[in-house]
Amino acid sequence: MPTFKILLEFIYTDNLVKFGDPEEAIEILVAANKYGLERLKRLCEKHLVEVVDIDNVLQLLIMSDMHQAIELRRMCMNYALTHFDIITKKEEINQLSKSLLLELIQNK
């Protein structure tokens, strides 16, 4: 279902359809942040927190930092710190902003 349709449905019904995959939840979170739909944003964060793993933690950390998804950011940072040795060997580590990388290293 297209993101904008999901946003409109949520605005009018206060219901959220199940996410097809994490990418859909990310798209909706970004749009919810853009349009100030905090409850929808929190619901997306809640879903994404449940799917954090080694393969997506860095992508989710970057995205959560960019879109002020505080709870998701905190969870991703904790997960990355727990799996620091594995995470730092991934190619995606180079995509982290200087501030995120510094925070990760300082908290290790």
N, C-alpha and C. Protein backbone atom coordinates (compact mmCIF):
# COMPACT_ATOMS: atom_id res chain seq x y z
N MET A 1 0.85 -1.18 0.00
CA MET A 1 0.00 0.00 0.00
C MET A 1 0.90 1.24 0.00
N PRO A 2 0.62 2.22 -0.83
CA PRO A 2 1.45 3.42 -0.88
C PRO A 2 1.46 4.16 0.46
N THR A 3 2.58 4.74 0.76
CA THR A 3 2.79 5.40 2.05
C THR A 3 1.75 6.48 2.32
N PHE A 4 1.48 7.33 1.33
CA PHE A 4 0.54 8.43 1.56
C PHE A 4 -0.86 7.91 1.86
N LYS A 5 -1.25 6.83 1.23
CA LYS A 5 -2.56 6.23 1.51
C LYS A 5 -2.62 5.71 2.94
N ILE A 6 -1.54 5.13 3.39
CA ILE A 6 -1.46 4.63 4.77
C ILE A 6 -1.57 5.80 5.75
N LEU A 7 -0.88 6.91 5.44
CA LEU A 7 -0.96 8.10 6.30
C LEU A 7 -2.39 8.62 6.38
N LEU A 8 -3.05 8.75 5.25
CA LEU A 8 -4.43 9.24 5.24
C LEU A 8 -5.36 8.31 6.01
N GLU A 9 -5.20 7.02 5.80
CA GLU A 9 -6.02 6.06 6.52
C GLU A 9 -5.81 6.18 8.02
N PHE A 10 -4.58 6.36 8.43
CA PHE A 10 -4.27 6.50 9.86
C PHE A 10 -4.89 7.78 10.41
N ILE A 11 -4.78 8.87 9.67
CA ILE A 11 -5.34 10.16 10.13
C ILE A 11 -6.85 10.05 10.35
N TYR A 12 -7.54 9.38 9.44
CA TYR A 12 -9.00 9.29 9.52
C TYR A 12 -9.51 8.19 10.43
N THR A 13 -8.76 7.12 10.60
CA THR A 13 -9.26 5.98 11.39
C THR A 13 -8.49 5.73 12.68
N ASP A 14 -7.30 6.29 12.79
CA ASP A 14 -6.39 6.04 13.91
C ASP A 14 -6.00 4.56 13.99
N ASN A 15 -6.11 3.88 12.86
CA ASN A 15 -5.68 2.49 12.76
C ASN A 15 -4.53 2.38 11.78
N LEU A 16 -3.67 1.43 12.05
CA LEU A 16 -2.51 1.22 11.20
C LEU A 16 -2.54 -0.21 10.68
N VAL A 17 -2.42 -0.35 9.37
CA VAL A 17 -2.35 -1.68 8.79
C VAL A 17 -1.03 -2.32 9.20
N LYS A 18 -0.99 -3.64 9.17
CA LYS A 18 0.27 -4.33 9.48
C LYS A 18 1.31 -3.99 8.43
N PHE A 19 2.54 -3.89 8.86
CA PHE A 19 3.63 -3.59 7.95
C PHE A 19 3.98 -4.82 7.13
N GLY A 20 4.25 -4.61 5.85
CA GLY A 20 4.67 -5.71 5.00
C GLY A 20 6.10 -6.12 5.32
N ASP A 21 6.96 -5.14 5.51
CA ASP A 21 8.36 -5.40 5.82
C ASP A 21 8.95 -4.16 6.49
N PRO A 22 10.16 -4.26 7.02
CA PRO A 22 10.76 -3.11 7.68
C PRO A 22 10.90 -1.88 6.78
N GLU A 23 11.14 -2.08 5.50
CA GLU A 23 11.27 -0.95 4.58
C GLU A 23 9.99 -0.11 4.55
N GLU A 24 8.85 -0.77 4.58
CA GLU A 24 7.58 -0.06 4.59
C GLU A 24 7.44 0.75 5.88
N ALA A 25 7.81 0.16 7.00
CA ALA A 25 7.75 0.86 8.29
C ALA A 25 8.67 2.07 8.29
N ILE A 26 9.84 1.93 7.67
CA ILE A 26 10.78 3.06 7.58
C ILE A 26 10.17 4.19 6.76
N GLU A 27 9.58 3.86 5.61
CA GLU A 27 8.96 4.88 4.76
C GLU A 27 7.85 5.61 5.50
N ILE A 28 7.04 4.87 6.23
CA ILE A 28 5.94 5.48 6.97
C ILE A 28 6.48 6.34 8.11
N LEU A 29 7.50 5.87 8.81
CA LEU A 29 8.11 6.65 9.88
C LEU A 29 8.65 7.97 9.35
N VAL A 30 9.33 7.93 8.23
CA VAL A 30 9.89 9.15 7.63
C VAL A 30 8.76 10.12 7.29
N ALA A 31 7.69 9.61 6.68
CA ALA A 31 6.56 10.48 6.33
C ALA A 31 5.85 11.00 7.58
N ALA A 32 5.68 10.15 8.58
CA ALA A 32 5.03 10.57 9.82
C ALA A 32 5.85 11.67 10.50
N ASN A 33 7.15 11.56 10.47
CA ASN A 33 8.01 12.60 11.03
C ASN A 33 7.85 13.90 10.24
N LYS A 34 7.83 13.79 8.94
CA LYS A 34 7.71 14.97 8.07
C LYS A 34 6.41 15.73 8.33
N TYR A 35 5.32 14.99 8.56
CA TYR A 35 4.01 15.62 8.74
C TYR A 35 3.59 15.75 10.20
N GLY A 36 4.49 15.48 11.12
CA GLY A 36 4.21 15.69 12.53
C GLY A 36 3.20 14.74 13.14
N LEU A 37 3.14 13.53 12.63
CA LEU A 37 2.22 12.51 13.15
C LEU A 37 2.96 11.67 14.18
N GLU A 38 3.10 12.20 15.38
CA GLU A 38 3.94 11.58 16.41
C GLU A 38 3.47 10.19 16.82
N ARG A 39 2.16 10.00 16.96
CA ARG A 39 1.67 8.69 17.37
C ARG A 39 2.00 7.64 16.31
N LEU A 40 1.82 7.98 15.06
CA LEU A 40 2.15 7.06 13.97
C LEU A 40 3.65 6.79 13.95
N LYS A 41 4.43 7.81 14.17
CA LYS A 41 5.88 7.66 14.21
C LYS A 41 6.28 6.69 15.33
N ARG A 42 5.68 6.84 16.50
CA ARG A 42 5.99 5.94 17.62
C ARG A 42 5.59 4.50 17.32
N LEU A 43 4.46 4.32 16.64
CA LEU A 43 4.03 2.96 16.26
C LEU A 43 5.04 2.33 15.30
N CYS A 44 5.54 3.13 14.38
CA CYS A 44 6.56 2.62 13.45
C CYS A 44 7.84 2.27 14.20
N GLU A 45 8.23 3.14 15.12
CA GLU A 45 9.42 2.87 15.94
C GLU A 45 9.25 1.56 16.70
N LYS A 46 8.08 1.38 17.30
CA LYS A 46 7.82 0.17 18.08
C LYS A 46 7.99 -1.07 17.21
N HIS A 47 7.48 -1.02 16.00
CA HIS A 47 7.64 -2.15 15.09
C HIS A 47 9.11 -2.38 14.74
N LEU A 48 9.80 -1.31 14.41
CA LEU A 48 11.19 -1.43 13.97
C LEU A 48 12.12 -1.90 15.09
N VAL A 49 11.83 -1.50 16.31
CA VAL A 49 12.63 -1.96 17.45
C VAL A 49 12.61 -3.48 17.53
N GLU A 50 11.49 -4.07 17.17
CA GLU A 50 11.34 -5.53 17.25
C GLU A 50 12.09 -6.28 16.15
N VAL A 51 12.51 -5.58 15.10
CA VAL A 51 13.17 -6.27 13.98
C VAL A 51 14.65 -5.90 13.84
N VAL A 52 15.20 -5.18 14.81
CA VAL A 52 16.62 -4.81 14.75
C VAL A 52 17.46 -6.07 14.80
N ASP A 53 18.41 -6.16 13.86
CA ASP A 53 19.35 -7.29 13.87
C ASP A 53 20.69 -6.82 13.30
N ILE A 54 21.63 -7.73 13.24
CA ILE A 54 22.98 -7.42 12.76
C ILE A 54 22.96 -6.81 11.37
N ASP A 55 22.08 -7.29 10.52
CA ASP A 55 22.06 -6.85 9.13
C ASP A 55 21.44 -5.47 8.92
N ASN A 56 20.55 -5.02 9.82
CA ASN A 56 19.90 -3.74 9.58
C ASN A 56 20.16 -2.67 10.64
N VAL A 57 20.90 -3.00 11.67
CA VAL A 57 21.08 -2.07 12.79
C VAL A 57 21.72 -0.75 12.36
N LEU A 58 22.71 -0.79 11.50
CA LEU A 58 23.37 0.46 11.10
C LEU A 58 22.45 1.32 10.23
N GLN A 59 21.72 0.69 9.33
CA GLN A 59 20.76 1.44 8.51
C GLN A 59 19.69 2.08 9.40
N LEU A 60 19.18 1.33 10.35
CA LEU A 60 18.16 1.86 11.25
C LEU A 60 18.71 2.93 12.18
N LEU A 61 19.95 2.80 12.59
CA LEU A 61 20.57 3.82 13.43
C LEU A 61 20.69 5.14 12.67
N ILE A 62 21.15 5.07 11.45
CA ILE A 62 21.28 6.27 10.61
C ILE A 62 19.91 6.91 10.40
N MET A 63 18.94 6.11 10.02
CA MET A 63 17.60 6.62 9.74
C MET A 63 16.96 7.20 10.99
N SER A 64 17.09 6.52 12.12
CA SER A 64 16.47 7.01 13.35
C SER A 64 17.11 8.32 13.81
N ASP A 65 18.39 8.47 13.59
CA ASP A 65 19.07 9.71 13.94
C ASP A 65 18.58 10.86 13.05
N MET A 66 18.43 10.59 11.77
CA MET A 66 18.00 11.62 10.81
C MET A 66 16.57 12.09 11.06
N HIS A 67 15.72 11.19 11.58
CA HIS A 67 14.29 11.51 11.70
C HIS A 67 13.80 11.58 13.14
N GLN A 68 14.74 11.81 14.05
CA GLN A 68 14.42 12.03 15.47
C GLN A 68 13.54 10.91 16.06
N ALA A 69 13.84 9.68 15.69
CA ALA A 69 13.15 8.50 16.25
C ALA A 69 13.97 8.07 17.46
N ILE A 70 13.73 8.72 18.57
CA ILE A 70 14.58 8.62 19.75
C ILE A 70 14.65 7.21 20.32
N GLU A 71 13.51 6.57 20.48
CA GLU A 71 13.49 5.22 21.06
C GLU A 71 14.20 4.22 20.15
N LEU A 72 13.94 4.31 18.86
CA LEU A 72 14.60 3.41 17.91
C LEU A 72 16.10 3.68 17.89
N ARG A 73 16.48 4.93 17.93
CA ARG A 73 17.91 5.30 17.93
C ARG A 73 18.60 4.70 19.16
N ARG A 74 17.96 4.85 20.32
CA ARG A 74 18.54 4.32 21.56
C ARG A 74 18.71 2.80 21.47
N MET A 75 17.69 2.12 20.96
CA MET A 75 17.74 0.66 20.83
C MET A 75 18.84 0.24 19.87
N CYS A 76 18.94 0.94 18.74
CA CYS A 76 19.98 0.60 17.75
C CYS A 76 21.38 0.85 18.30
N MET A 77 21.54 1.93 19.03
CA MET A 77 22.85 2.23 19.61
C MET A 77 23.23 1.15 20.63
N ASN A 78 22.29 0.76 21.46
CA ASN A 78 22.56 -0.31 22.44
C ASN A 78 22.88 -1.63 21.74
N TYR A 79 22.14 -1.95 20.71
CA TYR A 79 22.38 -3.18 19.96
C TYR A 79 23.76 -3.14 19.30
N ALA A 80 24.10 -2.00 18.70
CA ALA A 80 25.40 -1.85 18.05
C ALA A 80 26.54 -1.98 19.07
N LEU A 81 26.35 -1.42 20.24
CA LEU A 81 27.38 -1.52 21.28
C LEU A 81 27.52 -2.96 21.76
N THR A 82 26.42 -3.66 21.89
CA THR A 82 26.45 -5.06 22.31
C THR A 82 27.19 -5.93 21.29
N HIS A 83 27.04 -5.60 20.02
CA HIS A 83 27.65 -6.38 18.93
C HIS A 83 28.76 -5.57 18.24
N PHE A 84 29.46 -4.79 19.02
CA PHE A 84 30.45 -3.84 18.51
C PHE A 84 31.47 -4.49 17.56
N ASP A 85 32.02 -5.61 17.96
CA ASP A 85 33.07 -6.24 17.14
C ASP A 85 32.56 -6.67 15.77
N ILE A 86 31.33 -7.12 15.70
CA ILE A 86 30.74 -7.53 14.41
C ILE A 86 30.37 -6.30 13.59
N ILE A 87 29.73 -5.33 14.25
CA ILE A 87 29.23 -4.13 13.57
C ILE A 87 30.37 -3.33 12.93
N THR A 88 31.47 -3.21 13.63
CA THR A 88 32.57 -2.38 13.12
C THR A 88 33.28 -3.01 11.92
N LYS A 89 33.01 -4.27 11.64
CA LYS A 89 33.60 -4.93 10.47
C LYS A 89 32.70 -4.85 9.24
N LYS A 90 31.49 -4.33 9.41
CA LYS A 90 30.55 -4.23 8.30
C LYS A 90 30.86 -3.00 7.45
N GLU A 91 30.63 -3.13 6.17
CA GLU A 91 30.86 -2.03 5.22
C GLU A 91 30.00 -0.81 5.56
N GLU A 92 28.80 -1.04 6.05
CA GLU A 92 27.86 0.04 6.35
C GLU A 92 28.36 0.99 7.44
N ILE A 93 29.35 0.57 8.20
CA ILE A 93 29.89 1.44 9.26
C ILE A 93 30.41 2.75 8.66
N ASN A 94 30.83 2.70 7.41
CA ASN A 94 31.34 3.90 6.74
C ASN A 94 30.24 4.91 6.41
N GLN A 95 29.00 4.51 6.49
CA GLN A 95 27.88 5.40 6.21
C GLN A 95 27.45 6.21 7.43
N LEU A 96 27.95 5.84 8.60
CA LEU A 96 27.59 6.57 9.82
C LEU A 96 28.15 7.99 9.76
N SER A 97 27.39 8.92 10.29
CA SER A 97 27.88 10.30 10.39
C SER A 97 29.02 10.31 11.41
N LYS A 98 29.82 11.35 11.37
CA LYS A 98 30.93 11.46 12.32
C LYS A 98 30.42 11.46 13.75
N SER A 99 29.31 12.14 13.99
CA SER A 99 28.78 12.22 15.36
C SER A 99 28.29 10.85 15.85
N LEU A 100 27.63 10.08 14.98
CA LEU A 100 27.18 8.74 15.38
C LEU A 100 28.36 7.81 15.63
N LEU A 101 29.34 7.87 14.75
CA LEU A 101 30.52 7.03 14.90
C LEU A 101 31.26 7.38 16.19
N LEU A 102 31.40 8.66 16.46
CA LEU A 102 32.07 9.11 17.68
C LEU A 102 31.30 8.64 18.91
N GLU A 103 29.98 8.77 18.88
CA GLU A 103 29.16 8.33 20.01
C GLU A 103 29.31 6.83 20.24
N LEU A 104 29.32 6.08 19.17
CA LEU A 104 29.47 4.63 19.25
C LEU A 104 30.82 4.28 19.88
N ILE A 105 31.87 4.91 19.43
CA ILE A 105 33.21 4.62 19.94
C ILE A 105 33.36 5.08 21.39
N GLN A 106 32.85 6.25 21.70
CA GLN A 106 32.96 6.77 23.07
C GLN A 106 32.21 5.92 24.08
N ASN A 107 31.10 5.35 23.66
CA ASN A 107 30.31 4.53 24.59
C ASN A 107 30.81 3.10 24.70
N LYS A 108 31.71 2.71 23.84
CA LYS A 108 32.28 1.38 23.91
C LYS A 108 33.28 1.38 25.03
